[in-house]
Amino acid sequence: MPGSNRTAKKEVCPALARIAEKIGDAFFPPRCVACRTPIGHQYSFLCSTCFDAIELNSALYCPTCMGRIGDLQTPCHRDAGYLLAPATFYRDPIPALVHHLKYKRLVRVNTLASALLITHLKKINIPLDCCVFVPIPLHPSRQRERGFNQALLLAQQCATHFDRPLVQALARITQTKQQASLPDAAQRYANVTGAFALDPAIAIRGSTIILVDDVSTSGATLAVAAHTLKSGGARKIIGAVVAKAQ
């Protein structure tokens, strides 16, 4: 029966995947992406020492001064435009995880990165049942080059976990330089000014938005994206990132 064939395929495919993983582990012994210590499975990514070194945050922060904020009250710098929710800070082993996700296309790292962000969002005092998730978009040419948008992957995992809408309300309309290649905050802000536009078909007025990206350094990308969302009537914006670089 057709239904039986489909069930059999579902059972066989995971089995074949497990066999393939074991063969891969045998020929290419897995190592921690951060310290290169041998690990038991290639999709663990980190050894226990590096994993235990990750310290998750339990608060929101003002993106201007990085002062801790206990809830959704107005940040100490009113012109910030958003509140920052960094799961952790950009120190070992996080740089290695981000590098392997973005530049070595080890997309399965997203599962671990998403778990860190989800755990952080559970810890902080925000009403997730009223939020929508919006990823920071890549320019179409850069997304074609990379093959995926890491912010979208993170937002998808978070939205699924919390059973909230994923809304691609922003588009990247200019091909900017990579923020990491620019030396200071002023140049980074100038680089992304005017880079985003709202999708006119998507209504965000009155929404509380979880704006998702992988890393925040100067905060310029989140600030400009938040300003664009505010221009469309968004009520409150939380910039949720895996890590904040200091």
Protein backbone atom coordinates (compact mmCIF):
# COMPACT_ATOMS: atom_id res chain seq x y z
CA MET A 1 0.00 0.00 0.00
CA PRO A 2 1.25 3.55 -0.75
CA GLY A 3 0.95 4.56 2.89
CA SER A 4 3.05 1.59 3.98
CA ASN A 5 5.78 2.49 1.47
CA ARG A 6 5.94 6.04 2.81
CA THR A 7 6.23 4.72 6.38
CA ALA A 8 8.99 2.33 5.38
CA LYS A 9 10.93 5.13 3.71
CA LYS A 10 10.64 7.28 6.83
CA GLU A 11 12.08 4.42 8.88
CA VAL A 12 14.87 3.57 6.42
CA CYS A 13 16.12 7.13 5.79
CA PRO A 14 17.06 7.89 9.44
CA ALA A 15 18.77 4.49 9.62
CA LEU A 16 20.81 5.26 6.50
CA ALA A 17 21.66 8.68 7.89
CA ARG A 18 22.95 7.11 11.11
CA ILE A 19 25.09 4.65 9.13
CA ALA A 20 26.49 7.48 7.01
CA GLU A 21 27.33 9.46 10.16
CA LYS A 22 29.16 6.49 11.67
CA ILE A 23 31.15 6.00 8.47
CA GLY A 24 31.99 9.71 8.44
CA ASP A 25 33.11 9.57 12.06
CA ALA A 26 35.32 6.54 11.29
CA PHE A 27 37.11 8.11 8.31
CA PHE A 28 37.12 11.70 9.59
CA PRO A 29 37.40 11.57 13.40
CA PRO A 30 35.30 14.44 14.78
CA ARG A 31 36.99 17.24 16.69
CA CYS A 32 35.75 20.19 18.70
CA VAL A 33 35.40 23.17 16.35
CA ALA A 34 36.94 25.45 18.99
CA CYS A 35 39.91 23.60 20.53
CA ARG A 36 40.22 20.64 18.12
CA THR A 37 40.00 18.08 20.92
CA PRO A 38 38.58 14.74 19.69
CA ILE A 39 34.86 14.39 20.43
CA GLY A 40 32.48 11.46 20.26
CA HIS A 41 30.29 12.63 17.40
CA GLN A 42 30.74 15.08 14.54
CA TYR A 43 27.44 16.82 15.32
CA SER A 44 28.37 17.52 18.93
CA PHE A 45 30.61 20.33 17.58
CA LEU A 46 32.09 21.14 21.00
CA CYS A 47 33.97 19.15 23.60
CA SER A 48 32.55 19.16 27.12
CA THR A 49 35.18 21.67 28.31
CA CYS A 50 34.33 24.21 25.61
CA PHE A 51 30.59 23.66 25.99
CA ASP A 52 30.82 24.22 29.75
CA ALA A 53 32.69 27.49 29.11
CA ILE A 54 29.57 29.05 27.56
CA GLU A 55 27.95 31.39 30.07
CA LEU A 56 24.37 32.27 29.23
CA ASN A 57 22.96 35.67 30.13
CA SER A 58 19.74 36.05 32.11
CA ALA A 59 18.77 39.66 31.38
CA LEU A 60 18.05 42.22 28.72
CA TYR A 61 20.64 44.93 28.07
CA CYS A 62 20.66 48.52 26.91
CA PRO A 63 22.44 48.36 23.54
CA THR A 64 24.04 51.78 24.08
CA CYS A 65 25.72 51.30 27.47
CA MET A 66 25.20 47.54 28.01
CA GLY A 67 23.49 48.18 31.34
CA ARG A 68 21.36 45.27 32.54
CA ILE A 69 17.59 45.75 32.24
CA GLY A 70 15.30 43.50 34.23
CA ASP A 71 12.22 43.70 32.00
CA LEU A 72 10.64 45.55 29.08
CA GLN A 73 10.88 48.96 30.71
CA THR A 74 12.34 51.79 28.63
CA PRO A 75 16.13 51.45 28.37
CA CYS A 76 18.34 54.02 30.03
CA HIS A 77 19.17 55.41 26.57
CA ARG A 78 15.80 56.24 25.03
CA ASP A 79 17.24 56.76 21.54
CA ALA A 80 18.53 53.17 21.38
CA GLY A 81 15.34 52.06 19.61
CA TYR A 82 15.45 48.50 20.88
CA LEU A 83 16.45 46.29 23.81
CA LEU A 84 19.27 43.80 23.39
CA ALA A 85 18.88 40.13 24.31
CA PRO A 86 22.28 38.45 23.81
CA ALA A 87 22.33 34.77 24.76
CA THR A 88 26.02 35.05 25.62
CA PHE A 89 29.09 37.14 24.85
CA TYR A 90 31.42 36.70 21.90
CA ARG A 91 34.22 34.79 23.56
CA ASP A 92 35.48 31.24 23.23
CA PRO A 93 34.01 28.96 22.01
CA ILE A 94 31.39 31.17 20.34
CA PRO A 95 33.65 32.69 17.62
CA ALA A 96 34.47 29.21 16.34
CA LEU A 97 30.80 28.24 16.23
CA VAL A 98 29.83 31.39 14.33
CA HIS A 99 32.76 31.01 11.92
CA HIS A 100 31.84 27.42 11.09
CA LEU A 101 28.21 28.38 10.57
CA LYS A 102 28.73 31.44 8.40
CA TYR A 103 31.92 30.77 6.49
CA LYS A 104 32.43 27.00 6.48
CA ARG A 105 28.75 26.35 5.84
CA LEU A 106 28.44 23.89 8.71
CA VAL A 107 24.73 24.63 8.85
CA ARG A 108 23.99 22.07 11.56
CA VAL A 109 25.81 24.35 14.01
CA ASN A 110 22.58 26.36 13.83
CA THR A 111 20.90 23.73 16.02
CA LEU A 112 23.28 24.44 18.89
CA ALA A 113 23.25 28.21 18.31
CA SER A 114 19.44 28.20 18.27
CA ALA A 115 19.34 26.19 21.50
CA LEU A 116 21.49 28.84 23.21
CA LEU A 117 19.20 31.62 22.00
CA ILE A 118 16.01 29.76 22.94
CA THR A 119 17.34 29.03 26.43
CA HIS A 120 18.21 32.70 26.89
CA LEU A 121 14.80 33.90 25.73
CA LYS A 122 13.19 31.58 28.27
CA LYS A 123 15.27 33.15 31.04
CA ILE A 124 14.41 36.78 30.45
CA ASN A 125 11.19 38.44 31.47
CA ILE A 126 9.44 39.12 28.17
CA PRO A 127 5.95 38.02 27.03
CA LEU A 128 6.91 35.70 24.18
CA ASP A 129 3.28 34.72 23.63
CA CYS A 130 2.69 38.19 22.15
CA CYS A 131 5.81 38.42 19.97
CA VAL A 132 6.61 37.80 16.32
CA PHE A 133 10.07 36.79 15.08
CA VAL A 134 11.75 38.81 12.33
CA PRO A 135 15.18 37.83 10.95
CA ILE A 136 17.80 40.31 9.78
CA PRO A 137 17.84 39.74 6.00
CA LEU A 138 20.83 39.27 3.75
CA HIS A 139 21.05 40.98 0.37
CA PRO A 140 19.86 38.47 -2.27
CA SER A 141 23.29 38.34 -3.92
CA ARG A 142 25.01 37.55 -0.61
CA GLN A 143 22.42 34.94 0.25
CA ARG A 144 23.00 33.26 -3.12
CA GLU A 145 26.74 33.32 -2.48
CA ARG A 146 26.45 31.86 1.04
CA GLY A 147 23.56 29.55 0.26
CA PHE A 148 21.55 30.43 3.38
CA ASN A 149 20.79 33.23 5.83
CA GLN A 150 21.99 32.31 9.31
CA ALA A 151 19.62 34.83 10.95
CA LEU A 152 16.66 33.23 9.16
CA LEU A 153 17.72 29.77 10.34
CA LEU A 154 17.90 31.00 13.93
CA ALA A 155 14.55 32.81 13.69
CA GLN A 156 12.86 29.75 12.22
CA GLN A 157 14.05 27.54 15.08
CA CYS A 158 12.97 30.08 17.70
CA ALA A 159 9.58 30.74 16.13
CA THR A 160 8.89 27.01 15.87
CA HIS A 161 9.93 26.38 19.47
CA PHE A 162 7.76 29.16 20.90
CA ASP A 163 4.94 28.56 18.40
CA ARG A 164 5.02 32.16 17.25
CA PRO A 165 4.83 33.67 13.74
CA LEU A 166 7.96 34.08 11.65
CA VAL A 167 7.57 37.29 9.66
CA GLN A 168 10.08 38.31 7.01
CA ALA A 169 9.07 41.94 7.28
CA LEU A 170 12.43 43.37 6.19
CA ALA A 171 14.27 43.27 2.88
CA ARG A 172 17.88 44.25 2.30
CA ILE A 173 17.77 46.70 -0.58
CA THR A 174 21.44 47.70 -0.80
CA GLN A 175 24.48 45.45 -1.03
CA THR A 176 26.54 46.69 1.89
CA LYS A 177 30.08 45.80 2.88
CA GLN A 178 30.46 43.12 5.51
CA GLN A 179 30.26 44.82 8.90
CA ALA A 180 33.21 42.81 10.24
CA SER A 181 35.46 44.41 7.62
CA LEU A 182 34.84 47.95 8.94
CA PRO A 183 37.01 49.25 11.80
CA ASP A 184 34.65 51.41 13.88
CA ALA A 185 31.03 51.93 14.88
CA ALA A 186 30.56 55.09 12.84
CA GLN A 187 31.55 53.38 9.59
CA ARG A 188 29.39 50.38 10.40
CA TYR A 189 26.37 52.56 11.06
CA ALA A 190 26.94 54.50 7.83
CA ASN A 191 27.35 51.23 5.95
CA VAL A 192 23.86 49.96 6.84
CA THR A 193 21.96 53.26 6.90
CA GLY A 194 19.16 52.93 4.35
CA ALA A 195 19.95 49.26 3.79
CA PHE A 196 16.53 47.93 4.86
CA ALA A 197 12.99 48.37 3.61
CA LEU A 198 9.68 47.12 4.93
CA ASP A 199 7.56 44.67 2.98
CA PRO A 200 4.38 46.74 2.43
CA ALA A 201 2.28 43.57 2.37
CA ILE A 202 3.17 42.71 5.97
CA ALA A 203 1.45 44.56 8.80
CA ILE A 204 3.57 45.02 11.92
CA ARG A 205 1.81 48.00 13.52
CA GLY A 206 1.51 47.51 17.25
CA SER A 207 3.65 44.36 17.25
CA THR A 208 6.34 43.37 19.72
CA ILE A 209 9.13 42.07 17.54
CA ILE A 210 12.00 39.71 18.31
CA LEU A 211 14.58 40.87 15.76
CA VAL A 212 17.02 37.97 15.25
CA ASP A 213 20.67 37.97 14.18
CA ASP A 214 23.70 35.85 14.99
CA VAL A 215 26.12 38.43 16.45
CA SER A 216 25.91 42.09 17.46
CA THR A 217 29.16 44.05 17.53
CA SER A 218 28.57 47.79 17.28
CA GLY A 219 24.79 47.28 17.19
CA ALA A 220 24.51 49.28 13.96
CA THR A 221 22.66 46.61 11.98
CA LEU A 222 20.10 46.04 14.72
CA ALA A 223 19.69 49.79 15.29
CA VAL A 224 18.99 50.57 11.62
CA ALA A 225 16.70 47.56 11.24
CA ALA A 226 14.82 48.52 14.42
CA HIS A 227 14.39 52.08 13.15
CA THR A 228 12.93 50.71 9.91
CA LEU A 229 10.50 48.49 11.83
CA LYS A 230 9.51 51.39 14.09
CA SER A 231 8.71 53.44 10.98
CA GLY A 232 6.15 50.76 10.15
CA GLY A 233 4.49 51.04 13.53
CA ALA A 234 6.23 48.29 15.53
CA ARG A 235 5.61 48.91 19.24
CA LYS A 236 8.56 47.23 20.93
CA ILE A 237 11.69 45.60 19.52
CA ILE A 238 14.03 43.14 21.20
CA GLY A 239 17.26 42.41 19.34
CA ALA A 240 17.91 38.72 20.04
CA VAL A 241 21.40 37.52 19.14
CA VAL A 242 23.46 34.46 19.94
CA ALA A 243 26.33 36.66 21.09
CA LYS A 244 27.33 40.26 21.77
CA ALA A 245 30.89 41.15 20.83
CA GLN A 246 32.59 43.49 23.28
